[in-house]
PDB file of N, CA and C in Angstrom:
ATOM      1  N   UNK A   1       0.788  -1.200  -0.055  1.00  0.00           N
ATOM      2  CA  UNK A   1       0.023  -0.023  -0.077  1.00  0.00           C
ATOM      3  C   UNK A   1       0.997   1.178   0.059  1.00  0.00           C
ATOM      4  N   UNK A   2       0.708   2.046  -0.802  1.00  0.00           N
ATOM      5  CA  UNK A   2       1.484   3.325  -0.974  1.00  0.00           C
ATOM      6  C   UNK A   2       1.130   4.371  -0.041  1.00  0.00           C
ATOM      7  N   UNK A   3      -0.019   4.516   0.613  1.00  0.00           N
ATOM      8  CA  UNK A   3      -0.384   5.494   1.779  1.00  0.00           C
ATOM      9  C   UNK A   3      -0.306   4.886   3.037  1.00  0.00           C
ATOM     10  N   UNK A   4       0.863   4.536   3.285  1.00  0.00           N
ATOM     11  CA  UNK A   4       1.233   3.967   4.760  1.00  0.00           C
ATOM     12  C   UNK A   4       1.217   5.104   5.726  1.00  0.00           C
ATOM     13  N   UNK A   5       0.618   4.980   6.792  1.00  0.00           N
ATOM     14  CA  UNK A   5       0.552   5.925   7.732  1.00  0.00           C
ATOM     15  C   UNK A   5       1.608   5.490   8.954  1.00  0.00           C
ATOM     16  N   UNK A   6       2.480   6.393   9.404  1.00  0.00           N
ATOM     17  CA  UNK A   6       3.387   6.037  10.186  1.00  0.00           C
ATOM     18  C   UNK A   6       3.139   5.351  11.548  1.00  0.00           C
ATOM     19  N   UNK A   7       1.897   5.735  11.872  1.00  0.00           N
ATOM     20  CA  UNK A   7       1.360   5.330  13.167  1.00  0.00           C
ATOM     21  C   UNK A   7       0.735   3.957  12.922  1.00  0.00           C
ATOM     22  N   UNK A   8       1.562   2.797  13.218  1.00  0.00           N
ATOM     23  CA  UNK A   8       0.941   1.619  12.862  1.00  0.00           C
ATOM     24  C   UNK A   8      -0.209   1.211  13.706  1.00  0.00           C
ATOM     25  N   UNK A   9      -0.152   1.565  15.012  1.00  0.00           N
ATOM     26  CA  UNK A   9      -1.391   1.178  15.840  1.00  0.00           C
ATOM     27  C   UNK A   9      -2.708   1.827  15.405  1.00  0.00           C
ATOM     28  N   UNK A  10      -2.603   3.288  14.899  1.00  0.00           N
ATOM     29  CA  UNK A  10      -3.815   3.834  14.471  1.00  0.00           C
ATOM     30  C   UNK A  10      -4.179   3.131  13.021  1.00  0.00           C
ATOM     31  N   UNK A  11      -3.191   2.751  12.218  1.00  0.00           N
ATOM     32  CA  UNK A  11      -3.539   2.035  10.955  1.00  0.00           C
ATOM     33  C   UNK A  11      -4.146   0.635  11.312  1.00  0.00           C
ATOM     34  N   UNK A  12      -3.480  -0.074  12.207  1.00  0.00           N
ATOM     35  CA  UNK A  12      -4.237  -1.338  12.484  1.00  0.00           C
ATOM     36  C   UNK A  12      -5.434  -1.314  13.086  1.00  0.00           C
ATOM     37  N   UNK A  13      -5.748  -0.180  14.108  1.00  0.00           N
ATOM     38  CA  UNK A  13      -6.997  -0.228  14.545  1.00  0.00           C
ATOM     39  C   UNK A  13      -8.187   0.138  13.468  1.00  0.00           C
ATOM     40  N   UNK A  14      -7.615   1.108  12.436  1.00  0.00           N
ATOM     41  CA  UNK A  14      -8.721   1.471  11.448  1.00  0.00           C
ATOM     42  C   UNK A  14      -8.885   0.141  10.550  1.00  0.00           C
ATOM     43  N   UNK A  15      -7.916  -0.751  10.313  1.00  0.00           N
ATOM     44  CA  UNK A  15      -8.098  -1.932   9.589  1.00  0.00           C
ATOM     45  C   UNK A  15      -9.082  -2.878  10.302  1.00  0.00           C
ATOM     46  N   UNK A  16      -8.863  -3.041  11.630  1.00  0.00           N
ATOM     47  CA  UNK A  16      -9.713  -3.766  12.315  1.00  0.00           C
ATOM     48  C   UNK A  16     -11.189  -3.315  12.400  1.00  0.00           C
ATOM     49  N   UNK A  17     -11.205  -2.154  12.421  1.00  0.00           N
ATOM     50  CA  UNK A  17     -12.623  -1.476  12.192  1.00  0.00           C
ATOM     51  C   UNK A  17     -13.409  -1.812  10.849  1.00  0.00           C
ATOM     52  N   UNK A  18     -12.595  -1.695   9.790  1.00  0.00           N
ATOM     53  CA  UNK A  18     -12.934  -2.192   8.602  1.00  0.00           C
ATOM     54  C   UNK A  18     -13.348  -3.565   8.440  1.00  0.00           C
ATOM     55  N   UNK A  19     -12.479  -4.444   9.022  1.00  0.00           N
ATOM     56  CA  UNK A  19     -12.776  -5.736   8.917  1.00  0.00           C
ATOM     57  C   UNK A  19     -13.918  -6.204   9.704  1.00  0.00           C
ATOM     58  N   UNK A  20     -14.277  -5.450  10.963  1.00  0.00           N
ATOM     59  CA  UNK A  20     -15.490  -5.868  11.738  1.00  0.00           C
ATOM     60  C   UNK A  20     -16.638  -5.441  10.962  1.00  0.00           C
ATOM     61  N   UNK A  21     -16.529  -4.260  10.160  1.00  0.00           N
ATOM     62  CA  UNK A  21     -17.629  -3.915   9.432  1.00  0.00           C
ATOM     63  C   UNK A  21     -18.073  -5.025   8.323  1.00  0.00           C
ATOM     64  N   UNK A  22     -17.148  -5.435   7.652  1.00  0.00           N
ATOM     65  CA  UNK A  22     -17.089  -6.521   6.695  1.00  0.00           C
ATOM     66  C   UNK A  22     -17.711  -7.906   7.427  1.00  0.00           C
ATOM     67  N   UNK A  23     -17.132  -8.290   8.492  1.00  0.00           N
ATOM     68  CA  UNK A  23     -17.584  -9.539   9.123  1.00  0.00           C
ATOM     69  C   UNK A  23     -19.107  -9.348   9.393  1.00  0.00           C
ATOM     70  N   UNK A  24     -19.389  -8.143   9.767  1.00  0.00           N
ATOM     71  CA  UNK A  24     -20.923  -7.992  10.351  1.00  0.00           C
ATOM     72  C   UNK A  24     -21.653  -7.767   8.996  1.00  0.00           C
ATOM     73  N   UNK A  25     -21.164  -7.514   7.948  1.00  0.00           N
ATOM     74  CA  UNK A  25     -21.849  -7.328   6.724  1.00  0.00           C
ATOM     75  C   UNK A  25     -22.462  -5.925   6.502  1.00  0.00           C
ATOM     76  N   UNK A  26     -21.898  -4.843   7.136  1.00  0.00           N
ATOM     77  CA  UNK A  26     -22.475  -3.648   7.103  1.00  0.00           C
ATOM     78  C   UNK A  26     -21.444  -2.478   7.040  1.00  0.00           C
ATOM     79  N   UNK A  27     -21.446  -1.733   5.815  1.00  0.00           N
ATOM     80  CA  UNK A  27     -20.379  -0.698   5.724  1.00  0.00           C
ATOM     81  C   UNK A  27     -21.285   0.631   5.810  1.00  0.00           C
ATOM     82  N   UNK A  28     -21.635   1.162   6.927  1.00  0.00           N
ATOM     83  CA  UNK A  28     -22.502   2.141   7.081  1.00  0.00           C
ATOM     84  C   UNK A  28     -21.661   3.561   6.949  1.00  0.00           C
ATOM     85  N   UNK A  29     -20.812   3.755   5.957  1.00  0.00           N
ATOM     86  CA  UNK A  29     -20.230   5.043   5.811  1.00  0.00           C
ATOM     87  C   UNK A  29     -20.005   5.132   4.320  1.00  0.00           C
ATOM     88  N   UNK A  30     -19.766   6.263   3.866  1.00  0.00           N
ATOM     89  CA  UNK A  30     -19.645   6.684   2.487  1.00  0.00           C
ATOM     90  C   UNK A  30     -18.313   7.193   2.131  1.00  0.00           C
ATOM     91  N   UNK A  31     -17.313   7.447   3.233  1.00  0.00           N
ATOM     92  CA  UNK A  31     -16.004   8.084   2.766  1.00  0.00           C
ATOM     93  C   UNK A  31     -15.011   6.845   3.278  1.00  0.00           C
ATOM     94  N   UNK A  32     -14.052   6.815   2.491  1.00  0.00           N
ATOM     95  CA  UNK A  32     -12.917   5.765   2.789  1.00  0.00           C
ATOM     96  C   UNK A  32     -11.579   6.157   2.392  1.00  0.00           C
ATOM     97  N   UNK A  33     -10.515   5.891   3.051  1.00  0.00           N
ATOM     98  CA  UNK A  33      -9.364   6.208   2.869  1.00  0.00           C
ATOM     99  C   UNK A  33      -8.728   5.565   1.669  1.00  0.00           C
ATOM    100  N   UNK A  34      -7.979   5.915   0.849  1.00  0.00           N
ATOM    101  CA  UNK A  34      -7.298   5.296  -0.348  1.00  0.00           C
ATOM    102  C   UNK A  34      -6.958   3.982  -0.131  1.00  0.00           C
ATOM    103  N   UNK A  35      -6.246   3.546   1.001  1.00  0.00           N
ATOM    104  CA  UNK A  35      -5.862   2.223   1.352  1.00  0.00           C
ATOM    105  C   UNK A  35      -6.895   1.278   1.656  1.00  0.00           C
ATOM    106  N   UNK A  36      -8.146   1.902   2.160  1.00  0.00           N
ATOM    107  CA  UNK A  36      -9.360   0.968   2.492  1.00  0.00           C
ATOM    108  C   UNK A  36      -9.960   0.627   1.207  1.00  0.00           C
ATOM    109  N   UNK A  37     -10.060   1.518   0.289  1.00  0.00           N
ATOM    110  CA  UNK A  37     -10.530   1.324  -1.064  1.00  0.00           C
ATOM    111  C   UNK A  37      -9.754   0.104  -1.816  1.00  0.00           C
ATOM    112  N   UNK A  38      -8.342   0.400  -1.709  1.00  0.00           N
ATOM    113  CA  UNK A  38      -7.558  -0.807  -2.373  1.00  0.00           C
ATOM    114  C   UNK A  38      -7.729  -2.126  -1.599  1.00  0.00           C
ATOM    115  N   UNK A  39      -8.044  -2.199  -0.338  1.00  0.00           N
ATOM    116  CA  UNK A  39      -8.184  -3.394   0.370  1.00  0.00           C
ATOM    117  C   UNK A  39      -9.595  -3.872  -0.098  1.00  0.00           C
ATOM    118  N   UNK A  40     -10.724  -3.093  -0.138  1.00  0.00           N
ATOM    119  CA  UNK A  40     -12.008  -3.619  -0.521  1.00  0.00           C
ATOM    120  C   UNK A  40     -12.104  -4.022  -1.993  1.00  0.00           C
ATOM    121  N   UNK A  41     -11.385  -3.409  -3.030  1.00  0.00           N
ATOM    122  CA  UNK A  41     -11.221  -3.932  -4.246  1.00  0.00           C
ATOM    123  C   UNK A  41     -10.482  -5.079  -4.390  1.00  0.00           C
ATOM    124  N   UNK A  42      -9.546  -5.342  -3.628  1.00  0.00           N
ATOM    125  CA  UNK A  42      -8.674  -6.490  -3.565  1.00  0.00           C
ATOM    126  C   UNK A  42      -9.613  -7.698  -3.075  1.00  0.00           C
ATOM    127  N   UNK A  43     -10.351  -7.438  -1.961  1.00  0.00           N
ATOM    128  CA  UNK A  43     -11.193  -8.439  -1.283  1.00  0.00           C
ATOM    129  C   UNK A  43     -12.333  -8.813  -2.346  1.00  0.00           C
ATOM    130  N   UNK A  44     -12.822  -7.907  -2.898  1.00  0.00           N
ATOM    131  CA  UNK A  44     -14.006  -8.113  -3.807  1.00  0.00           C
ATOM    132  C   UNK A  44     -13.409  -8.972  -4.916  1.00  0.00           C
ATOM    133  N   UNK A  45     -12.276  -8.669  -5.586  1.00  0.00           N
ATOM    134  CA  UNK A  45     -11.589  -9.316  -6.787  1.00  0.00           C
ATOM    135  C   UNK A  45     -11.267 -10.727  -6.388  1.00  0.00           C
ATOM    136  N   UNK A  46     -11.121 -11.143  -5.073  1.00  0.00           N
ATOM    137  CA  UNK A  46     -10.829 -12.510  -4.721  1.00  0.00           C
ATOM    138  C   UNK A  46     -12.011 -13.392  -4.870  1.00  0.00           C
ATOM    139  N   UNK A  47     -13.264 -12.987  -5.170  1.00  0.00           N
ATOM    140  CA  UNK A  47     -14.392 -13.778  -5.172  1.00  0.00           C
ATOM    141  C   UNK A  47     -14.463 -14.919  -4.277  1.00  0.00           C
ATOM    142  N   UNK A  48     -14.596 -14.433  -2.861  1.00  0.00           N
ATOM    143  CA  UNK A  48     -14.618 -15.634  -1.818  1.00  0.00           C
ATOM    144  C   UNK A  48     -16.208 -16.075  -1.919  1.00  0.00           C
ATOM    145  N   UNK A  49     -16.170 -17.493  -1.852  1.00  0.00           N
ATOM    146  CA  UNK A  49     -17.643 -17.985  -1.626  1.00  0.00           C
ATOM    147  C   UNK A  49     -18.161 -17.756  -0.186  1.00  0.00           C
ATOM    148  N   UNK A  50     -19.356 -17.472  -0.168  1.00  0.00           N
ATOM    149  CA  UNK A  50     -20.103 -16.999   0.978  1.00  0.00           C
ATOM    150  C   UNK A  50     -19.990 -17.997   2.097  1.00  0.00           C
ATOM    151  N   UNK A  51     -19.691 -19.254   1.778  1.00  0.00           N
ATOM    152  CA  UNK A  51     -19.486 -20.226   2.856  1.00  0.00           C
ATOM    153  C   UNK A  51     -18.070 -20.169   3.549  1.00  0.00           C
ATOM    154  N   UNK A  52     -17.319 -19.765   3.091  1.00  0.00           N
ATOM    155  CA  UNK A  52     -15.841 -19.385   3.573  1.00  0.00           C
ATOM    156  C   UNK A  52     -15.495 -18.141   3.761  1.00  0.00           C
ATOM    157  N   UNK A  53     -16.225 -17.434   3.565  1.00  0.00           N
ATOM    158  CA  UNK A  53     -15.993 -15.713   3.475  1.00  0.00           C
ATOM    159  C   UNK A  53     -15.500 -15.389   4.657  1.00  0.00           C
ATOM    160  N   UNK A  54     -16.574 -15.546   5.894  1.00  0.00           N
ATOM    161  CA  UNK A  54     -16.251 -14.906   7.177  1.00  0.00           C
ATOM    162  C   UNK A  54     -14.835 -15.722   7.795  1.00  0.00           C
ATOM    163  N   UNK A  55     -14.910 -16.908   7.656  1.00  0.00           N
ATOM    164  CA  UNK A  55     -13.564 -17.565   8.145  1.00  0.00           C
ATOM    165  C   UNK A  55     -12.150 -17.107   7.629  1.00  0.00           C
ATOM    166  N   UNK A  56     -12.286 -16.933   6.221  1.00  0.00           N
ATOM    167  CA  UNK A  56     -11.162 -16.519   5.514  1.00  0.00           C
ATOM    168  C   UNK A  56     -10.945 -14.935   5.891  1.00  0.00           C
ATOM    169  N   UNK A  57     -11.909 -14.196   6.191  1.00  0.00           N
ATOM    170  CA  UNK A  57     -11.627 -12.808   6.500  1.00  0.00           C
ATOM    171  C   UNK A  57     -10.916 -12.744   7.944  1.00  0.00           C
ATOM    172  N   UNK A  58     -11.347 -13.646   9.108  1.00  0.00           N
ATOM    173  CA  UNK A  58     -10.904 -13.824  10.105  1.00  0.00           C
ATOM    174  C   UNK A  58      -9.450 -14.085  10.231  1.00  0.00           C
ATOM    175  N   UNK A  59      -9.074 -15.005   9.469  1.00  0.00           N
ATOM    176  CA  UNK A  59      -7.803 -15.577   9.326  1.00  0.00           C
ATOM    177  C   UNK A  59      -6.946 -14.549   8.890  1.00  0.00           C
ATOM    178  N   UNK A  60      -7.468 -13.928   7.709  1.00  0.00           N
ATOM    179  CA  UNK A  60      -6.680 -12.814   7.107  1.00  0.00           C
ATOM    180  C   UNK A  60      -6.423 -11.688   7.855  1.00  0.00           C
ATOM    181  N   UNK A  61      -7.443 -11.390   8.839  1.00  0.00           N
ATOM    182  CA  UNK A  61      -7.229 -10.204   9.661  1.00  0.00           C
ATOM    183  C   UNK A  61      -6.094 -10.636  10.730  1.00  0.00           C
ATOM    184  N   UNK A  62      -6.066 -11.805  11.266  1.00  0.00           N
ATOM    185  CA  UNK A  62      -5.117 -12.342  12.247  1.00  0.00           C
ATOM    186  C   UNK A  62      -3.583 -12.300  11.585  1.00  0.00           C
ATOM    187  N   UNK A  63      -3.691 -12.555  10.124  1.00  0.00           N
ATOM    188  CA  UNK A  63      -2.193 -12.619   9.441  1.00  0.00           C
ATOM    189  C   UNK A  63      -1.765 -11.345   9.312  1.00  0.00           C
ATOM    190  N   UNK A  64      -2.598 -10.166   9.049  1.00  0.00           N
ATOM    191  CA  UNK A  64      -2.396  -8.881   9.040  1.00  0.00           C
ATOM    192  C   UNK A  64      -1.657  -8.280  10.398  1.00  0.00           C
ATOM    193  N   UNK A  65      -2.349  -8.781  11.334  1.00  0.00           N
ATOM    194  CA  UNK A  65      -2.003  -8.492  12.671  1.00  0.00           C
ATOM    195  C   UNK A  65      -0.600  -8.956  13.031  1.00  0.00           C
ATOM    196  N   UNK A  66      -0.433 -10.208  12.613  1.00  0.00           N
ATOM    197  CA  UNK A  66       0.938 -10.870  12.826  1.00  0.00           C
ATOM    198  C   UNK A  66       2.038 -10.080  12.001  1.00  0.00           C
ATOM    199  N   UNK A  67       1.751  -9.783  10.650  1.00  0.00           N
ATOM    200  CA  UNK A  67       2.690  -8.882   9.837  1.00  0.00           C
ATOM    201  C   UNK A  67       3.050  -7.730  10.410  1.00  0.00           C
ATOM    202  N   UNK A  68       2.099  -6.995  10.842  1.00  0.00           N
ATOM    203  CA  UNK A  68       2.351  -5.634  11.624  1.00  0.00           C
ATOM    204  C   UNK A  68       3.238  -5.915  12.826  1.00  0.00           C
ATOM    205  N   UNK A  69       2.885  -6.888  13.601  1.00  0.00           N
ATOM    206  CA  UNK A  69       3.643  -7.053  14.769  1.00  0.00           C
ATOM    207  C   UNK A  69       5.205  -7.340  14.585  1.00  0.00           C
ATOM    208  N   UNK A  70       5.299  -8.086  13.226  1.00  0.00           N
ATOM    209  CA  UNK A  70       6.698  -8.456  12.885  1.00  0.00           C
ATOM    210  C   UNK A  70       7.435  -7.288  12.307  1.00  0.00           C
ATOM    211  N   UNK A  71       6.716  -6.113  12.221  1.00  0.00           N
ATOM    212  CA  UNK A  71       7.357  -4.849  11.762  1.00  0.00           C
ATOM    213  C   UNK A  71       7.153  -4.468  10.256  1.00  0.00           C
ATOM    214  N   UNK A  72       6.160  -5.135   9.652  1.00  0.00           N
ATOM    215  CA  UNK A  72       5.819  -4.740   8.298  1.00  0.00           C
ATOM    216  C   UNK A  72       5.364  -3.417   8.333  1.00  0.00           C
ATOM    217  N   UNK A  73       5.655  -2.634   7.275  1.00  0.00           N
ATOM    218  CA  UNK A  73       5.460  -1.219   6.915  1.00  0.00           C
ATOM    219  C   UNK A  73       4.026  -1.081   5.982  1.00  0.00           C
ATOM    220  N   UNK A  74       3.597  -2.073   5.626  1.00  0.00           N
ATOM    221  CA  UNK A  74       2.321  -1.975   4.984  1.00  0.00           C
ATOM    222  C   UNK A  74       1.361  -3.120   5.228  1.00  0.00           C
ATOM    223  N   UNK A  75      -0.027  -2.918   4.824  1.00  0.00           N
ATOM    224  CA  UNK A  75      -0.852  -3.946   4.993  1.00  0.00           C
ATOM    225  C   UNK A  75      -0.930  -5.003   3.848  1.00  0.00           C
ATOM    226  N   UNK A  76      -0.959  -6.188   4.492  1.00  0.00           N
ATOM    227  CA  UNK A  76      -1.006  -7.428   3.588  1.00  0.00           C
ATOM    228  C   UNK A  76      -2.379  -7.527   2.980  1.00  0.00           C
ATOM    229  N   UNK A  77      -2.327  -7.667   1.507  1.00  0.00           N
ATOM    230  CA  UNK A  77      -3.743  -7.802   0.755  1.00  0.00           C
ATOM    231  C   UNK A  77      -4.161  -9.157   0.950  1.00  0.00           C
ATOM    232  N   UNK A  78      -5.441  -9.378   0.843  1.00  0.00           N
ATOM    233  CA  UNK A  78      -6.136 -10.668   0.874  1.00  0.00           C
ATOM    234  C   UNK A  78      -5.549 -11.496  -0.078  1.00  0.00           C
ATOM    235  N   UNK A  79      -5.428 -10.955  -1.594  1.00  0.00           N
ATOM    236  CA  UNK A  79      -4.984 -11.759  -2.502  1.00  0.00           C
ATOM    237  C   UNK A  79      -3.554 -12.129  -2.304  1.00  0.00           C
ATOM    238  N   UNK A  80      -2.494 -11.304  -1.618  1.00  0.00           N
ATOM    239  CA  UNK A  80      -1.258 -11.863  -1.318  1.00  0.00           C
ATOM    240  C   UNK A  80      -1.259 -13.010  -0.218  1.00  0.00           C
ATOM    241  N   UNK A  81      -2.290 -12.774   0.750  1.00  0.00           N
ATOM    242  CA  UNK A  81      -2.361 -13.799   1.684  1.00  0.00           C
ATOM    243  C   UNK A  81      -2.950 -15.226   1.330  1.00  0.00           C
ATOM    244  N   UNK A  82      -3.799 -15.137   0.464  1.00  0.00           N
ATOM    245  CA  UNK A  82      -4.449 -16.314  -0.267  1.00  0.00           C
ATOM    246  C   UNK A  82      -3.303 -16.972  -1.095  1.00  0.00           C
ATOM    247  N   UNK A  83      -2.495 -16.147  -1.845  1.00  0.00           N
ATOM    248  CA  UNK A  83      -1.478 -16.670  -2.691  1.00  0.00           C
ATOM    249  C   UNK A  83      -0.362 -17.449  -1.773  1.00  0.00           C
ATOM    250  N   UNK A  84       0.036 -16.745  -0.661  1.00  0.00           N
ATOM    251  CA  UNK A  84       0.977 -17.366   0.314  1.00  0.00           C
ATOM    252  C   UNK A  84       0.513 -18.699   0.925  1.00  0.00           C
ATOM    253  N   UNK A  85      -0.841 -18.792   1.059  1.00  0.00           N
ATOM    254  CA  UNK A  85      -1.218 -20.044   1.544  1.00  0.00           C
ATOM    255  C   UNK A  85      -1.206 -21.049   0.427  1.00  0.00           C
ATOM    256  N   UNK A  86      -1.579 -20.763  -0.729  1.00  0.00           N
ATOM    257  CA  UNK A  86      -1.731 -21.739  -2.040  1.00  0.00           C
ATOM    258  C   UNK A  86      -0.255 -22.400  -2.071  1.00  0.00           C
ATOM    259  N   UNK A  87       0.759 -21.454  -2.221  1.00  0.00           N
ATOM    260  CA  UNK A  87       2.128 -21.830  -2.344  1.00  0.00           C
ATOM    261  C   UNK A  87       2.534 -22.692  -1.001  1.00  0.00           C
ATOM    262  N   UNK A  88       2.264 -22.370   0.119  1.00  0.00           N
ATOM    263  CA  UNK A  88       2.607 -23.154   1.181  1.00  0.00           C
ATOM    264  C   UNK A  88       1.844 -24.634   1.146  1.00  0.00           C
ATOM    265  N   UNK A  89       0.670 -24.713   0.728  1.00  0.00           N
ATOM    266  CA  UNK A  89      -0.064 -25.912   0.608  1.00  0.00           C
ATOM    267  C   UNK A  89       0.725 -26.747  -0.385  1.00  0.00           C
ATOM    268  N   UNK A  90       0.925 -26.171  -1.482  1.00  0.00           N
ATOM    269  CA  UNK A  90       1.644 -26.752  -2.803  1.00  0.00           C
ATOM    270  C   UNK A  90       2.960 -27.358  -2.216  1.00  0.00           C
ATOM    271  N   UNK A  91       3.814 -26.551  -1.497  1.00  0.00           N
ATOM    272  CA  UNK A  91       5.143 -26.871  -1.074  1.00  0.00           C
ATOM    273  C   UNK A  91       4.943 -28.053  -0.099  1.00  0.00           C
ATOM    274  N   UNK A  92       4.113 -28.190   0.791  1.00  0.00           N
ATOM    275  CA  UNK A  92       3.829 -29.179   1.819  1.00  0.00           C
ATOM    276  C   UNK A  92       3.357 -30.541   1.110  1.00  0.00           C
ATOM    277  N   UNK A  93       2.472 -30.232   0.013  1.00  0.00           N
ATOM    278  CA  UNK A  93       2.092 -31.619  -0.608  1.00  0.00           C
ATOM    279  C   UNK A  93       3.168 -31.994  -1.416  1.00  0.00           C
ATOM    280  N   UNK A  94       4.087 -31.376  -2.056  1.00  0.00           N
ATOM    281  CA  UNK A  94       5.344 -31.814  -2.819  1.00  0.00           C
ATOM    282  C   UNK A  94       6.282 -32.530  -1.817  1.00  0.00           C
ATOM    283  N   UNK A  95       6.434 -31.978  -0.464  1.00  0.00           N
ATOM    284  CA  UNK A  95       7.559 -32.433   0.449  1.00  0.00           C
ATOM    285  C   UNK A  95       6.829 -33.851   1.054  1.00  0.00           C
ATOM    286  N   UNK A  96       5.794 -33.977   1.020  1.00  0.00           N
ATOM    287  CA  UNK A  96       5.129 -35.247   1.507  1.00  0.00           C
ATOM    288  C   UNK A  96       4.675 -36.143   0.403  1.00  0.00           C
ATOM    289  N   UNK A  97       4.797 -35.790  -0.740  1.00  0.00           N
ATOM    290  CA  UNK A  97       4.852 -36.621  -1.891  1.00  0.00           C
ATOM    291  C   UNK A  97       3.121 -36.942  -2.245  1.00  0.00           C
ATOM    292  N   UNK A  98       2.338 -36.128  -1.591  1.00  0.00           N
ATOM    293  CA  UNK A  98       1.041 -36.077  -2.107  1.00  0.00           C
ATOM    294  C   UNK A  98       0.436 -35.120  -3.104  1.00  0.00           C
ATOM    295  N   UNK A  99      -0.684 -35.227  -3.392  1.00  0.00           N
ATOM    296  CA  UNK A  99      -1.225 -34.312  -4.324  1.00  0.00           C
ATOM    297  C   UNK A  99      -1.564 -33.092  -3.904  1.00  0.00           C
ATOM    298  N   UNK A 100      -1.492 -31.903  -4.275  1.00  0.00           N
ATOM    299  CA  UNK A 100      -2.031 -30.602  -3.785  1.00  0.00           C
ATOM    300  C   UNK A 100      -3.579 -30.571  -3.322  1.00  0.00           C
ATOM    301  N   UNK A 101      -3.765 -30.078  -2.200  1.00  0.00           N
ATOM    302  CA  UNK A 101      -5.101 -30.167  -1.670  1.00  0.00           C
ATOM    303  C   UNK A 101      -5.946 -28.815  -2.341  1.00  0.00           C
ATOM    304  N   UNK A 102      -6.939 -29.114  -2.873  1.00  0.00           N
ATOM    305  CA  UNK A 102      -7.825 -27.877  -3.678  1.00  0.00           C
ATOM    306  C   UNK A 102      -8.139 -27.040  -2.459  1.00  0.00           C
ATOM    307  N   UNK A 103      -7.970 -25.572  -2.906  1.00  0.00           N
ATOM    308  CA  UNK A 103      -8.274 -24.617  -1.954  1.00  0.00           C
ATOM    309  C   UNK A 103      -9.720 -24.692  -1.195  1.00  0.00           C
ATOM    310  N   UNK A 104     -10.578 -25.271  -2.011  1.00  0.00           N
ATOM    311  CA  UNK A 104     -12.103 -25.259  -1.416  1.00  0.00           C
ATOM    312  C   UNK A 104     -12.084 -26.151  -0.461  1.00  0.00           C
ATOM    313  N   UNK A 105     -11.361 -27.319  -0.491  1.00  0.00           N
ATOM    314  CA  UNK A 105     -11.355 -28.519   0.490  1.00  0.00           C
ATOM    315  C   UNK A 105     -10.381 -28.157   1.664  1.00  0.00           C
ATOM    316  N   UNK A 106      -9.195 -27.584   1.228  1.00  0.00           N
ATOM    317  CA  UNK A 106      -8.211 -27.600   2.204  1.00  0.00           C
ATOM    318  C   UNK A 106      -8.390 -26.660   3.126  1.00  0.00           C
ATOM    319  N   UNK A 107      -7.650 -26.625   4.362  1.00  0.00           N
ATOM    320  CA  UNK A 107      -7.636 -25.615   5.382  1.00  0.00           C
ATOM    321  C   UNK A 107      -6.919 -24.481   5.129  1.00  0.00           C
ATOM    322  N   UNK A 108      -7.291 -23.235   5.373  1.00  0.00           N
ATOM    323  CA  UNK A 108      -6.589 -22.050   5.225  1.00  0.00           C
ATOM    324  C   UNK A 108      -5.604 -21.860   6.182  1.00  0.00           C
ATOM    325  N   UNK A 109      -4.432 -22.119   5.951  1.00  0.00           N
ATOM    326  CA  UNK A 109      -3.288 -22.022   6.822  1.00  0.00           C
ATOM    327  C   UNK A 109      -3.053 -20.568   7.290  1.00  0.00           C
ATOM    328  N   UNK A 110      -2.689 -20.304   8.630  1.00  0.00           N
ATOM    329  CA  UNK A 110      -2.349 -19.048   8.783  1.00  0.00           C
ATOM    330  C   UNK A 110      -0.867 -18.754   8.748  1.00  0.00           C
ATOM    331  N   UNK A 111      -0.384 -17.489   9.002  1.00  0.00           N
ATOM    332  CA  UNK A 111       0.758 -17.216   8.596  1.00  0.00           C
ATOM    333  C   UNK A 111       1.789 -17.580   9.660  1.00  0.00           C
ATOM    334  N   UNK A 112       1.831 -18.896  10.102  1.00  0.00           N
ATOM    335  CA  UNK A 112       2.589 -19.234  11.292  1.00  0.00           C
ATOM    336  C   UNK A 112       3.863 -19.995  10.818  1.00  0.00           C
TER     337      UNK A 112
END
């Protein structure tokens, strides 16, 4: 994100508020910061199935928190989070000699 705010605590608090609104299913405002619009467009572009949406967004929120705790200077996008998990699943499957687990069936791994 190019519009990083130096105060990561405030940024993370704003991010968590946005995520809470999304998880509740209600965005009751009409003004957004540029980085919020970027994240919302990225989330929409990921075409999450309704059945998995809430759980994926919760795990994504935790991954963003961990990234910031580790000193990241920008917020992780959902598409980046999902791609990391896909690569991790494929790597684990290759190491174990098994076939990759389809994303719809597999567990969404956290950034641990």
